[in-house]
Amino acid sequence: MLNTEKEIIEVCKEQNKTIADLVMEEEIATARGKKTESDIREYLKETLKVMESSAMANLERATESKFNMIDGFAMAANKASMNDGDREPMSGSFMMRAMAMAFSTSEINCAMGKIVAAPTAGSSGILPAAMMSAKEKYGFDQKTLEDGLLTAIAIGKIIVKYSTFAGAEGGCQAECGSAAAMASAALVAMRGGSASEALTAASICFVNVMGLICDPIAGLVQYPCTFRNSSGVVNAITSADLALAGMQSIVPFEEVVQATKEVGDALEPEFRETGLGGLAGTKTGQKIREKFMGNESME
């Protein structure tokens, strides 16, 4: 991918192309004749199938896990999205349904099911939830979904060029922040937004979670990760809406990413997936950790 937001926007304007077009061209060029656009789109199609499957799988069932930290969250959120209860969700049915999908993939991941780590397992619920909830709402066709995924890939390429996806290096901003940025840009592209709007949406996502620590209890990608997946898809959707409404990020996307790298590097080790700080360092978190390590009863 090109190195800066300005370069990407200028090339898209000059050549009348989308970010998805640029990624496709790069993928074909990198393959050096070994893959055609058809081959790449077939791979995208299979990837989207897995995303859709994980996003939908637990909406009407609960997978039981060893510590029951996130069991049934997807089913409960999905039930609420249908106003099937005493209280209508204040966030609205669409947003609650999207969160339910994020929970579903998190539960499938916890159960060692098949997911797409986009970009990581710990943040794997965000992109599928954003894309599949939008598919339900707007009836997007296959090519629109594939181009959305290509746009997300472009954002991921820029992130990894200037920073990291690893919570152990940059905190949860590097995982759920990256996933939300990728998802938000994908949503903008799927809604027909410009390259500039897609990059703005991705920037807003990072602005919203800069400094977010990584503190999974017992080192398991469950709690608080599943909540950060649900809030991540909300971040992606609202950031896309803001960008499409004309909001702008005065700091270019690659500079925002560089800022997250600086912040991530400054985080103490306790807040970078070590299981020592944050929620993982609480009395309850440590008790679960000891149980996980086989040192203490949960009674």
Protein backbone atom coordinates (compact mmCIF):
# COMPACT_ATOMS: atom_id res chain seq x y z
CA MET A 1 0.00 0.00 0.00
CA LEU A 2 0.95 3.63 -0.36
CA ASN A 3 2.53 5.17 2.71
CA THR A 4 0.31 8.12 3.60
CA GLU A 5 -3.32 9.18 3.64
CA LYS A 6 -2.52 12.01 1.23
CA GLU A 7 -0.93 9.65 -1.30
CA ILE A 8 -3.85 7.24 -1.18
CA ILE A 9 -6.47 9.96 -1.61
CA GLU A 10 -4.56 11.60 -4.47
CA VAL A 11 -4.09 8.34 -6.38
CA CYS A 12 -7.75 7.39 -5.93
CA LYS A 13 -8.84 10.79 -7.26
CA GLU A 14 -6.37 10.90 -10.15
CA GLN A 15 -7.07 7.38 -11.33
CA ASN A 16 -10.76 7.31 -10.36
CA LYS A 17 -10.21 4.26 -8.18
CA THR A 18 -11.27 3.09 -4.76
CA ILE A 19 -9.06 1.88 -1.95
CA ALA A 20 -10.33 -1.61 -2.73
CA ASP A 21 -9.07 -1.22 -6.32
CA LEU A 22 -5.60 -0.30 -5.07
CA VAL A 23 -5.45 -3.32 -2.78
CA MET A 24 -6.61 -5.67 -5.53
CA GLU A 25 -3.96 -4.33 -7.90
CA GLU A 26 -1.28 -4.75 -5.25
CA GLU A 27 -2.37 -8.31 -4.45
CA ILE A 28 -2.27 -9.29 -8.12
CA ALA A 29 1.13 -7.66 -8.59
CA THR A 30 2.55 -9.31 -5.48
CA ALA A 31 1.33 -12.72 -6.67
CA ARG A 32 3.39 -12.26 -9.87
CA GLY A 33 1.02 -14.10 -12.14
CA LYS A 34 0.15 -16.85 -9.68
CA LYS A 35 -3.22 -15.35 -8.72
CA THR A 36 -5.91 -13.61 -10.73
CA GLU A 37 -8.58 -11.24 -9.46
CA SER A 38 -10.97 -14.18 -9.63
CA ASP A 39 -8.69 -16.25 -7.38
CA ILE A 40 -8.43 -13.45 -4.85
CA ARG A 41 -12.15 -12.84 -4.83
CA GLU A 42 -12.76 -16.53 -4.25
CA TYR A 43 -10.52 -16.33 -1.18
CA LEU A 44 -12.38 -13.25 0.02
CA LYS A 45 -15.67 -15.08 -0.48
CA GLU A 46 -14.53 -17.98 1.70
CA THR A 47 -13.22 -15.59 4.34
CA LEU A 48 -16.55 -13.78 4.45
CA LYS A 49 -18.37 -17.10 4.81
CA VAL A 50 -16.37 -17.89 7.94
CA MET A 51 -16.99 -14.39 9.28
CA GLU A 52 -20.72 -14.69 8.71
CA SER A 53 -20.84 -18.13 10.27
CA SER A 54 -19.07 -17.05 13.45
CA ALA A 55 -21.16 -13.86 13.71
CA MET A 56 -24.41 -15.81 13.50
CA ALA A 57 -23.59 -19.10 15.22
CA ASN A 58 -24.36 -18.21 18.83
CA LEU A 59 -27.21 -15.75 18.41
CA GLU A 60 -29.72 -18.36 19.51
CA ARG A 61 -27.57 -20.66 21.61
CA ALA A 62 -24.92 -20.47 24.32
CA THR A 63 -21.55 -22.20 24.26
CA GLU A 64 -20.37 -23.35 27.67
CA SER A 65 -16.80 -22.47 28.59
CA LYS A 66 -14.68 -23.52 31.56
CA PHE A 67 -15.06 -20.34 33.61
CA ASN A 68 -18.41 -19.16 32.20
CA MET A 69 -17.11 -15.62 31.86
CA ILE A 70 -18.87 -14.82 28.58
CA ASP A 71 -21.35 -17.66 28.04
CA GLY A 72 -24.67 -16.62 26.56
CA PHE A 73 -23.79 -12.98 25.96
CA ALA A 74 -24.56 -13.22 22.24
CA MET A 75 -27.92 -14.87 22.80
CA ALA A 76 -28.92 -12.31 25.45
CA ALA A 77 -27.91 -9.36 23.28
CA ASN A 78 -29.69 -10.83 20.28
CA LYS A 79 -32.86 -11.34 22.32
CA ALA A 80 -32.68 -7.71 23.43
CA SER A 81 -32.23 -6.60 19.81
CA MET A 82 -35.64 -8.07 19.02
CA ASN A 83 -37.20 -6.11 21.91
CA ASP A 84 -37.97 -9.51 23.42
CA GLY A 85 -38.00 -8.39 27.02
CA ASP A 86 -39.08 -5.70 29.43
CA ARG A 87 -36.79 -2.98 28.09
CA GLU A 88 -36.24 -1.71 24.58
CA PRO A 89 -32.49 -1.22 23.98
CA MET A 90 -31.59 2.46 24.13
CA SER A 91 -28.93 1.90 21.45
CA GLY A 92 -31.56 0.55 19.07
CA SER A 93 -32.14 -2.85 17.54
CA PHE A 94 -29.49 -2.52 14.84
CA MET A 95 -26.70 -1.63 17.24
CA MET A 96 -27.71 -4.33 19.72
CA ARG A 97 -27.83 -6.92 16.93
CA ALA A 98 -24.35 -5.87 15.80
CA MET A 99 -23.05 -6.25 19.36
CA ALA A 100 -24.69 -9.67 19.56
CA MET A 101 -22.76 -10.71 16.45
CA ALA A 102 -19.51 -9.51 18.00
CA PHE A 103 -20.25 -11.54 21.13
CA SER A 104 -21.05 -14.57 18.96
CA THR A 105 -17.64 -14.63 17.29
CA SER A 106 -15.96 -14.11 20.67
CA GLU A 107 -17.82 -17.13 22.03
CA ILE A 108 -16.95 -19.24 19.00
CA ASN A 109 -13.31 -18.26 19.45
CA CYS A 110 -13.48 -19.20 23.14
CA ALA A 111 -14.90 -22.60 22.17
CA MET A 112 -12.01 -23.15 19.72
CA GLY A 113 -14.33 -22.82 16.75
CA LYS A 114 -13.44 -21.46 13.33
CA ILE A 115 -12.98 -17.69 13.13
CA VAL A 116 -11.13 -15.14 11.06
CA ALA A 117 -8.49 -13.35 13.13
CA ALA A 118 -9.01 -9.90 11.66
CA PRO A 119 -6.54 -8.77 12.67
CA THR A 120 -6.26 -10.89 15.86
CA ALA A 121 -8.23 -13.58 17.66
CA GLY A 122 -8.86 -11.23 20.56
CA SER A 123 -10.49 -8.68 18.26
CA SER A 124 -12.06 -11.15 15.85
CA GLY A 125 -15.67 -10.22 16.58
CA ILE A 126 -15.54 -6.63 15.37
CA LEU A 127 -15.09 -6.83 11.60
CA PRO A 128 -17.57 -9.71 11.07
CA ALA A 129 -20.19 -8.00 13.23
CA ALA A 130 -19.83 -4.68 11.44
CA MET A 131 -19.97 -6.17 7.97
CA MET A 132 -22.71 -8.72 8.58
CA SER A 133 -24.99 -6.37 10.47
CA ALA A 134 -24.61 -3.90 7.58
CA LYS A 135 -25.33 -6.70 5.12
CA GLU A 136 -28.57 -7.46 6.96
CA LYS A 137 -29.60 -3.81 7.09
CA TYR A 138 -28.76 -2.80 3.54
CA GLY A 139 -28.80 -6.06 1.57
CA PHE A 140 -25.26 -5.61 0.24
CA ASP A 141 -24.25 -7.95 -2.57
CA GLN A 142 -21.18 -10.16 -2.61
CA LYS A 143 -18.92 -7.74 -4.48
CA THR A 144 -19.76 -4.92 -2.08
CA LEU A 145 -18.80 -7.14 0.84
CA GLU A 146 -15.58 -8.20 -0.86
CA ASP A 147 -14.65 -4.60 -1.61
CA GLY A 148 -15.38 -3.71 1.99
CA LEU A 149 -13.02 -6.44 3.11
CA LEU A 150 -10.36 -5.22 0.68
CA THR A 151 -10.71 -1.74 2.17
CA ALA A 152 -10.28 -3.20 5.66
CA ILE A 153 -7.15 -4.97 4.43
CA ALA A 154 -5.75 -1.64 3.22
CA ILE A 155 -6.23 -0.11 6.66
CA GLY A 156 -4.57 -3.13 8.24
CA LYS A 157 -1.59 -2.81 5.92
CA ILE A 158 -1.08 0.80 6.97
CA ILE A 159 -1.43 -0.04 10.66
CA VAL A 160 1.14 -2.81 10.56
CA LYS A 161 3.50 -0.55 8.59
CA TYR A 162 3.55 2.08 11.33
CA SER A 163 2.57 0.16 14.45
CA THR A 164 1.44 -3.30 15.59
CA PHE A 165 -1.58 -5.55 15.99
CA ALA A 166 -0.20 -7.19 19.13
CA GLY A 167 -1.79 -6.42 22.47
CA ALA A 168 1.44 -7.59 24.09
CA GLU A 169 3.20 -4.71 22.36
CA GLY A 170 0.65 -1.93 22.11
CA GLY A 171 -2.26 -2.75 24.41
CA CYS A 172 -5.82 -3.39 23.33
CA GLN A 173 -5.78 -0.25 21.19
CA ALA A 174 -3.56 -2.29 18.89
CA GLU A 175 -6.08 -5.14 18.72
CA CYS A 176 -9.63 -3.87 19.11
CA GLY A 177 -8.61 -0.39 17.98
CA SER A 178 -7.14 -1.77 14.77
CA ALA A 179 -10.12 -4.03 14.16
CA ALA A 180 -12.55 -1.15 14.66
CA ALA A 181 -10.55 1.07 12.31
CA MET A 182 -10.54 -1.64 9.66
CA ALA A 183 -14.26 -2.28 10.12
CA SER A 184 -15.19 1.39 10.03
CA ALA A 185 -13.34 1.98 6.77
CA ALA A 186 -15.01 -1.12 5.34
CA LEU A 187 -18.44 0.23 6.29
CA VAL A 188 -17.71 3.58 4.66
CA ALA A 189 -16.63 1.84 1.46
CA MET A 190 -19.69 -0.39 1.48
CA ARG A 191 -21.92 2.67 1.86
CA GLY A 192 -20.28 4.28 -1.16
CA GLY A 193 -18.02 6.68 0.74
CA SER A 194 -14.77 8.10 -0.57
CA ALA A 195 -11.20 7.12 0.25
CA SER A 196 -10.92 10.25 2.37
CA GLU A 197 -14.05 9.34 4.34
CA ALA A 198 -12.83 5.78 4.88
CA LEU A 199 -9.51 6.98 6.27
CA THR A 200 -11.26 9.57 8.43
CA ALA A 201 -13.49 6.87 9.92
CA ALA A 202 -10.45 4.74 10.71
CA SER A 203 -8.76 7.71 12.37
CA ILE A 204 -11.79 8.46 14.54
CA CYS A 205 -11.83 4.85 15.75
CA PHE A 206 -8.27 5.11 17.02
CA VAL A 207 -8.87 8.51 18.55
CA ASN A 208 -11.73 6.97 20.55
CA VAL A 209 -9.63 4.19 22.10
CA MET A 210 -6.09 5.55 22.22
CA GLY A 211 -4.35 4.22 25.31
CA LEU A 212 -6.69 1.24 25.78
CA ILE A 213 -4.82 -1.37 27.78
CA CYS A 214 -4.73 -5.14 27.27
CA ASP A 215 -5.65 -6.94 30.50
CA PRO A 216 -7.30 -10.31 29.80
CA ILE A 217 -8.10 -12.23 32.96
CA ALA A 218 -5.91 -15.34 33.24
CA GLY A 219 -4.51 -14.42 29.83
CA LEU A 220 -7.68 -15.79 28.24
CA VAL A 221 -9.17 -13.87 25.33
CA GLN A 222 -12.58 -13.68 27.01
CA TYR A 223 -12.97 -11.00 29.66
CA PRO A 224 -12.88 -8.04 29.17
CA CYS A 225 -12.08 -8.78 25.51
CA THR A 226 -15.65 -9.68 24.57
CA PHE A 227 -16.96 -6.33 25.82
CA ARG A 228 -14.27 -4.54 23.87
CA ASN A 229 -15.37 -6.42 20.78
CA SER A 230 -18.95 -5.25 21.29
CA SER A 231 -17.89 -1.67 21.96
CA GLY A 232 -15.47 -1.96 19.05
CA VAL A 233 -18.25 -2.62 16.56
CA VAL A 234 -20.17 0.33 18.01
CA ASN A 235 -17.04 2.44 17.59
CA ALA A 236 -16.75 1.29 13.98
CA ILE A 237 -20.37 2.06 13.13
CA THR A 238 -20.51 5.46 14.80
CA SER A 239 -17.14 6.50 13.38
CA ALA A 240 -18.32 5.55 9.89
CA ASP A 241 -21.46 7.61 10.39
CA LEU A 242 -19.44 10.61 11.53
CA ALA A 243 -17.10 10.39 8.55
CA LEU A 244 -19.99 10.02 6.10
CA ALA A 245 -21.65 13.03 7.74
CA GLY A 246 -18.63 15.15 6.85
CA MET A 247 -16.61 15.10 10.06
CA GLN A 248 -12.87 15.22 9.50
CA SER A 249 -9.80 14.14 11.43
CA ILE A 250 -7.25 16.94 11.26
CA VAL A 251 -4.48 14.41 11.96
CA PRO A 252 -3.85 12.10 8.94
CA PHE A 253 -4.45 8.41 9.50
CA GLU A 254 -0.82 7.31 9.40
CA GLU A 255 0.04 9.94 12.04
CA VAL A 256 -2.80 8.72 14.23
CA VAL A 257 -1.39 5.20 13.93
CA GLN A 258 2.08 6.47 14.80
CA ALA A 259 0.61 8.13 17.89
CA THR A 260 -0.92 4.84 19.01
CA LYS A 261 2.49 3.24 18.60
CA GLU A 262 4.06 5.89 20.82
CA VAL A 263 1.35 5.46 23.44
CA GLY A 264 1.59 1.66 23.27
CA ASP A 265 5.34 1.76 23.76
CA ALA A 266 4.82 3.92 26.85
CA LEU A 267 2.41 1.48 28.50
CA GLU A 268 3.81 -0.35 31.51
CA PRO A 269 4.26 -4.11 31.00
CA GLU A 270 1.38 -4.76 33.44
CA PHE A 271 -1.00 -3.30 30.86
CA ARG A 272 0.21 -5.24 27.84
CA GLU A 273 -1.34 -8.71 27.99
CA THR A 274 0.74 -9.95 30.92
CA GLY A 275 -2.28 -10.65 33.10
CA LEU A 276 -0.80 -8.57 35.90
CA GLY A 277 -2.56 -5.22 35.70
CA GLY A 278 -5.96 -3.72 35.01
CA LEU A 279 -8.89 -6.10 35.41
CA ALA A 280 -6.53 -9.06 35.27
CA GLY A 281 -4.79 -7.73 38.38
CA THR A 282 -7.93 -7.44 40.50
CA LYS A 283 -8.61 -9.92 43.33
CA THR A 284 -11.21 -11.66 41.20
CA GLY A 285 -8.96 -11.67 38.16
CA GLN A 286 -6.08 -13.18 40.11
CA LYS A 287 -8.35 -15.79 41.67
CA ILE A 288 -9.48 -16.92 38.23
CA ARG A 289 -5.86 -16.93 37.07
CA GLU A 290 -4.87 -19.19 39.97
CA LYS A 291 -7.77 -21.51 39.20
CA PHE A 292 -6.73 -21.58 35.54
CA MET A 293 -3.18 -22.48 36.58
CA GLY A 294 -4.57 -25.21 38.79
CA ASN A 295 -3.50 -23.66 42.08
CA GLU A 296 -6.77 -22.83 43.80
CA SER A 297 -10.44 -23.70 43.96
CA MET A 298 -12.99 -21.18 42.71
CA GLU A 299 -15.20 -21.90 45.73
